[in-house]
Amino acid sequence: MTNRSASWGLFFVALSALLFGSIGVTTRGIFAVAPTNALSITLWRALIALPAIFILSILVLRRELFAIRATDLRLMILAGLMMAMYQVTFVIAVRLVNVTIATIIGLLESLTGALLAALLFNEHLDALGLLGAVLLLAAMVIVFRTNRQVVEAMIE
């Protein structure tokens, strides 16, 4: 990997994090002004995103967009189903606890990704990565110790 592609990769990860950080706030805003539910919000977000992603994919990939092996398609379907489930469960969480708590607990996604990458792709965390993992776990302890609402909801 070149330094240039690594720089772009870091840029897109940071942009993704900024955009993901707005999901909880906008979702809470939708709940405040509309009588709706998690499935409807997730479905409408996906339906609105589909044409934009499809057009962008055609512009960037052209014919390569449709060059998919059957085994790859099965993995993409599984990933799509997992994405739908995480979106629905996150929207449910935002309705049940405040956005800050849902977002902080949602940071476990980063740790899960790092652990799966280590198991599946033999990737390793360096010292700073391990420190980040420890800090994420510490944040979870702080959230659960300082927010009785979360703990009581889990016990019920």
C-alpha atoms as a PDB file:
ATOM      1  CA  MET A   1       0.000   0.000   0.000  1.00  0.00           C
ATOM      2  CA  THR A   2       1.366   3.407  -0.915  1.00  0.00           C
ATOM      3  CA  ASN A   3       1.438   6.365   1.447  1.00  0.00           C
ATOM      4  CA  ARG A   4      -1.039   8.133  -0.815  1.00  0.00           C
ATOM      5  CA  SER A   5      -3.596   5.310  -0.685  1.00  0.00           C
ATOM      6  CA  ALA A   6      -3.089   4.974   3.084  1.00  0.00           C
ATOM      7  CA  SER A   7      -3.739   8.710   3.470  1.00  0.00           C
ATOM      8  CA  TRP A   8      -6.949   8.442   1.449  1.00  0.00           C
ATOM      9  CA  GLY A   9      -7.932   5.406   3.502  1.00  0.00           C
ATOM     10  CA  LEU A  10      -7.502   7.350   6.750  1.00  0.00           C
ATOM     11  CA  PHE A  11      -9.465  10.262   5.287  1.00  0.00           C
ATOM     12  CA  PHE A  12     -12.399   8.005   4.354  1.00  0.00           C
ATOM     13  CA  VAL A  13     -12.379   6.280   7.754  1.00  0.00           C
ATOM     14  CA  ALA A  14     -12.470   9.679   9.486  1.00  0.00           C
ATOM     15  CA  LEU A  15     -15.245  10.910   7.184  1.00  0.00           C
ATOM     16  CA  SER A  16     -17.186   7.712   7.811  1.00  0.00           C
ATOM     17  CA  ALA A  17     -16.848   8.200  11.572  1.00  0.00           C
ATOM     18  CA  LEU A  18     -18.073  11.791  11.329  1.00  0.00           C
ATOM     19  CA  LEU A  19     -21.065  10.764   9.244  1.00  0.00           C
ATOM     20  CA  PHE A  20     -21.874   7.805  11.507  1.00  0.00           C
ATOM     21  CA  GLY A  21     -21.711  10.113  14.513  1.00  0.00           C
ATOM     22  CA  SER A  22     -24.615  12.106  13.095  1.00  0.00           C
ATOM     23  CA  ILE A  23     -26.925   9.092  12.736  1.00  0.00           C
ATOM     24  CA  GLY A  24     -27.976   8.951  16.383  1.00  0.00           C
ATOM     25  CA  VAL A  25     -28.709  12.667  16.559  1.00  0.00           C
ATOM     26  CA  THR A  26     -30.747  12.733  13.348  1.00  0.00           C
ATOM     27  CA  THR A  27     -32.601   9.578  14.360  1.00  0.00           C
ATOM     28  CA  ARG A  28     -33.480  11.055  17.755  1.00  0.00           C
ATOM     29  CA  GLY A  29     -34.671  14.169  15.893  1.00  0.00           C
ATOM     30  CA  ILE A  30     -36.928  12.060  13.671  1.00  0.00           C
ATOM     31  CA  PHE A  31     -38.407  10.325  16.724  1.00  0.00           C
ATOM     32  CA  ALA A  32     -39.076  13.748  18.276  1.00  0.00           C
ATOM     33  CA  VAL A  33     -41.111  15.037  15.322  1.00  0.00           C
ATOM     34  CA  ALA A  34     -42.693  11.952  13.751  1.00  0.00           C
ATOM     35  CA  PRO A  35     -44.674   8.971  15.043  1.00  0.00           C
ATOM     36  CA  THR A  36     -42.464   6.263  13.541  1.00  0.00           C
ATOM     37  CA  ASN A  37     -40.433   3.187  14.429  1.00  0.00           C
ATOM     38  CA  ALA A  38     -36.933   1.763  13.970  1.00  0.00           C
ATOM     39  CA  LEU A  39     -37.811  -0.409  10.972  1.00  0.00           C
ATOM     40  CA  SER A  40     -39.394   2.485   9.070  1.00  0.00           C
ATOM     41  CA  ILE A  41     -36.452   4.787   9.723  1.00  0.00           C
ATOM     42  CA  THR A  42     -33.955   2.131   8.643  1.00  0.00           C
ATOM     43  CA  LEU A  43     -35.957   1.203   5.539  1.00  0.00           C
ATOM     44  CA  TRP A  44     -36.363   4.812   4.380  1.00  0.00           C
ATOM     45  CA  ARG A  45     -32.677   5.560   4.966  1.00  0.00           C
ATOM     46  CA  ALA A  46     -31.755   2.525   2.856  1.00  0.00           C
ATOM     47  CA  LEU A  47     -34.221   3.414   0.096  1.00  0.00           C
ATOM     48  CA  ILE A  48     -32.895   6.969  -0.064  1.00  0.00           C
ATOM     49  CA  ALA A  49     -29.269   5.772  -0.069  1.00  0.00           C
ATOM     50  CA  LEU A  50     -29.731   3.088  -2.744  1.00  0.00           C
ATOM     51  CA  PRO A  51     -30.022   5.347  -5.813  1.00  0.00           C
ATOM     52  CA  ALA A  52     -27.092   7.513  -4.693  1.00  0.00           C
ATOM     53  CA  ILE A  53     -24.843   4.487  -4.107  1.00  0.00           C
ATOM     54  CA  PHE A  54     -25.976   2.855  -7.362  1.00  0.00           C
ATOM     55  CA  ILE A  55     -25.249   5.958  -9.456  1.00  0.00           C
ATOM     56  CA  LEU A  56     -21.873   6.478  -7.777  1.00  0.00           C
ATOM     57  CA  SER A  57     -21.002   2.808  -8.327  1.00  0.00           C
ATOM     58  CA  ILE A  58     -21.879   3.009 -12.026  1.00  0.00           C
ATOM     59  CA  LEU A  59     -19.786   6.163 -12.440  1.00  0.00           C
ATOM     60  CA  VAL A  60     -16.764   4.689 -10.662  1.00  0.00           C
ATOM     61  CA  LEU A  61     -16.911   0.973 -11.518  1.00  0.00           C
ATOM     62  CA  ARG A  62     -18.807   0.964 -14.809  1.00  0.00           C
ATOM     63  CA  ARG A  63     -19.125  -2.667 -16.021  1.00  0.00           C
ATOM     64  CA  GLU A  64     -17.071  -4.010 -13.121  1.00  0.00           C
ATOM     65  CA  LEU A  65     -20.076  -3.295 -10.891  1.00  0.00           C
ATOM     66  CA  PHE A  66     -21.789  -6.404 -12.216  1.00  0.00           C
ATOM     67  CA  ALA A  67     -18.714  -8.698 -12.282  1.00  0.00           C
ATOM     68  CA  ILE A  68     -19.606 -10.644  -9.147  1.00  0.00           C
ATOM     69  CA  ARG A  69     -18.949 -14.338  -8.521  1.00  0.00           C
ATOM     70  CA  ALA A  70     -21.713 -16.387  -6.885  1.00  0.00           C
ATOM     71  CA  THR A  71     -19.601 -17.011  -3.779  1.00  0.00           C
ATOM     72  CA  ASP A  72     -18.943 -13.282  -3.457  1.00  0.00           C
ATOM     73  CA  LEU A  73     -22.642 -12.537  -3.874  1.00  0.00           C
ATOM     74  CA  ARG A  74     -23.508 -14.846  -0.962  1.00  0.00           C
ATOM     75  CA  LEU A  75     -21.002 -13.002   1.248  1.00  0.00           C
ATOM     76  CA  MET A  76     -22.415  -9.645   0.115  1.00  0.00           C
ATOM     77  CA  ILE A  77     -25.937 -10.773   0.960  1.00  0.00           C
ATOM     78  CA  LEU A  78     -24.780 -11.884   4.412  1.00  0.00           C
ATOM     79  CA  ALA A  79     -22.971  -8.564   4.938  1.00  0.00           C
ATOM     80  CA  GLY A  80     -26.070  -6.672   3.791  1.00  0.00           C
ATOM     81  CA  LEU A  81     -28.279  -8.568   6.234  1.00  0.00           C
ATOM     82  CA  MET A  82     -25.816  -7.904   9.055  1.00  0.00           C
ATOM     83  CA  MET A  83     -25.753  -4.217   8.107  1.00  0.00           C
ATOM     84  CA  ALA A  84     -29.550  -4.068   8.203  1.00  0.00           C
ATOM     85  CA  MET A  85     -29.615  -5.719  11.626  1.00  0.00           C
ATOM     86  CA  TYR A  86     -27.014  -3.361  13.082  1.00  0.00           C
ATOM     87  CA  GLN A  87     -28.869  -0.344  11.722  1.00  0.00           C
ATOM     88  CA  VAL A  88     -32.204  -1.461  13.150  1.00  0.00           C
ATOM     89  CA  THR A  89     -30.713  -2.343  16.534  1.00  0.00           C
ATOM     90  CA  PHE A  90     -28.882   0.989  16.725  1.00  0.00           C
ATOM     91  CA  VAL A  91     -32.066   2.921  15.935  1.00  0.00           C
ATOM     92  CA  ILE A  92     -33.899   0.913  18.603  1.00  0.00           C
ATOM     93  CA  ALA A  93     -31.117   1.755  21.076  1.00  0.00           C
ATOM     94  CA  VAL A  94     -31.360   5.475  20.296  1.00  0.00           C
ATOM     95  CA  ARG A  95     -35.046   5.357  21.144  1.00  0.00           C
ATOM     96  CA  LEU A  96     -34.485   3.488  24.424  1.00  0.00           C
ATOM     97  CA  VAL A  97     -31.399   5.276  25.782  1.00  0.00           C
ATOM     98  CA  ASN A  98     -29.959   8.691  25.044  1.00  0.00           C
ATOM     99  CA  VAL A  99     -27.865   9.261  21.923  1.00  0.00           C
ATOM    100  CA  THR A 100     -24.625   9.707  23.860  1.00  0.00           C
ATOM    101  CA  ILE A 101     -24.918   6.349  25.587  1.00  0.00           C
ATOM    102  CA  ALA A 102     -25.943   4.546  22.383  1.00  0.00           C
ATOM    103  CA  THR A 103     -23.051   6.080  20.465  1.00  0.00           C
ATOM    104  CA  ILE A 104     -20.429   5.360  23.122  1.00  0.00           C
ATOM    105  CA  ILE A 105     -21.540   1.744  23.450  1.00  0.00           C
ATOM    106  CA  GLY A 106     -21.631   1.601  19.643  1.00  0.00           C
ATOM    107  CA  LEU A 107     -17.884   2.229  19.702  1.00  0.00           C
ATOM    108  CA  LEU A 108     -17.529  -1.452  20.533  1.00  0.00           C
ATOM    109  CA  GLU A 109     -17.920  -1.871  16.764  1.00  0.00           C
ATOM    110  CA  SER A 110     -14.327  -0.687  16.402  1.00  0.00           C
ATOM    111  CA  LEU A 111     -13.059  -3.229  18.885  1.00  0.00           C
ATOM    112  CA  THR A 112     -15.118  -6.002  17.283  1.00  0.00           C
ATOM    113  CA  GLY A 113     -13.666  -5.102  13.882  1.00  0.00           C
ATOM    114  CA  ALA A 114     -10.114  -5.169  15.209  1.00  0.00           C
ATOM    115  CA  LEU A 115     -10.649  -8.545  16.903  1.00  0.00           C
ATOM    116  CA  LEU A 116     -12.243 -10.082  13.807  1.00  0.00           C
ATOM    117  CA  ALA A 117      -9.433  -8.724  11.606  1.00  0.00           C
ATOM    118  CA  ALA A 118      -6.904 -10.362  13.934  1.00  0.00           C
ATOM    119  CA  LEU A 119      -8.761 -13.686  13.807  1.00  0.00           C
ATOM    120  CA  LEU A 120      -9.645 -13.753  10.111  1.00  0.00           C
ATOM    121  CA  PHE A 121      -6.840 -11.803   8.416  1.00  0.00           C
ATOM    122  CA  ASN A 122      -3.964 -12.203  10.865  1.00  0.00           C
ATOM    123  CA  GLU A 123      -3.799  -8.441  11.438  1.00  0.00           C
ATOM    124  CA  HIS A 124      -2.125  -7.227  14.601  1.00  0.00           C
ATOM    125  CA  LEU A 125      -2.651  -4.199  16.804  1.00  0.00           C
ATOM    126  CA  ASP A 126       0.468  -2.231  17.641  1.00  0.00           C
ATOM    127  CA  ALA A 127       1.011  -0.635  21.054  1.00  0.00           C
ATOM    128  CA  LEU A 128      -1.179   2.375  20.226  1.00  0.00           C
ATOM    129  CA  GLY A 129      -3.918   0.110  18.883  1.00  0.00           C
ATOM    130  CA  LEU A 130      -3.863  -1.939  22.079  1.00  0.00           C
ATOM    131  CA  LEU A 131      -3.993   1.274  24.113  1.00  0.00           C
ATOM    132  CA  GLY A 132      -7.024   2.351  22.083  1.00  0.00           C
ATOM    133  CA  ALA A 133      -8.708  -1.005  22.757  1.00  0.00           C
ATOM    134  CA  VAL A 134      -8.072  -0.626  26.489  1.00  0.00           C
ATOM    135  CA  LEU A 135      -9.469   2.921  26.414  1.00  0.00           C
ATOM    136  CA  LEU A 136     -12.600   1.705  24.598  1.00  0.00           C
ATOM    137  CA  LEU A 137     -13.149  -0.934  27.256  1.00  0.00           C
ATOM    138  CA  ALA A 138     -12.552   1.671  29.966  1.00  0.00           C
ATOM    139  CA  ALA A 139     -15.183   3.900  28.317  1.00  0.00           C
ATOM    140  CA  MET A 140     -17.660   1.012  28.468  1.00  0.00           C
ATOM    141  CA  VAL A 141     -16.967   0.524  32.194  1.00  0.00           C
ATOM    142  CA  ILE A 142     -17.486   4.252  32.799  1.00  0.00           C
ATOM    143  CA  VAL A 143     -20.765   4.289  30.838  1.00  0.00           C
ATOM    144  CA  PHE A 144     -22.166   1.296  32.685  1.00  0.00           C
ATOM    145  CA  ARG A 145     -21.018   2.494  36.110  1.00  0.00           C
ATOM    146  CA  THR A 146     -22.340   6.037  35.700  1.00  0.00           C
ATOM    147  CA  ASN A 147     -25.611   5.357  33.890  1.00  0.00           C
ATOM    148  CA  ARG A 148     -28.056   3.408  36.022  1.00  0.00           C
ATOM    149  CA  GLN A 149     -30.558   3.687  33.162  1.00  0.00           C
ATOM    150  CA  VAL A 150     -28.437   1.384  30.985  1.00  0.00           C
ATOM    151  CA  VAL A 151     -27.774  -1.160  33.706  1.00  0.00           C
ATOM    152  CA  GLU A 152     -31.411  -1.243  34.859  1.00  0.00           C
ATOM    153  CA  ALA A 153     -32.589  -1.690  31.257  1.00  0.00           C
ATOM    154  CA  MET A 154     -30.277  -4.664  30.863  1.00  0.00           C
ATOM    155  CA  ILE A 155     -31.512  -6.282  34.085  1.00  0.00           C
ATOM    156  CA  GLU A 156     -35.236  -5.966  33.262  1.00  0.00           C
END
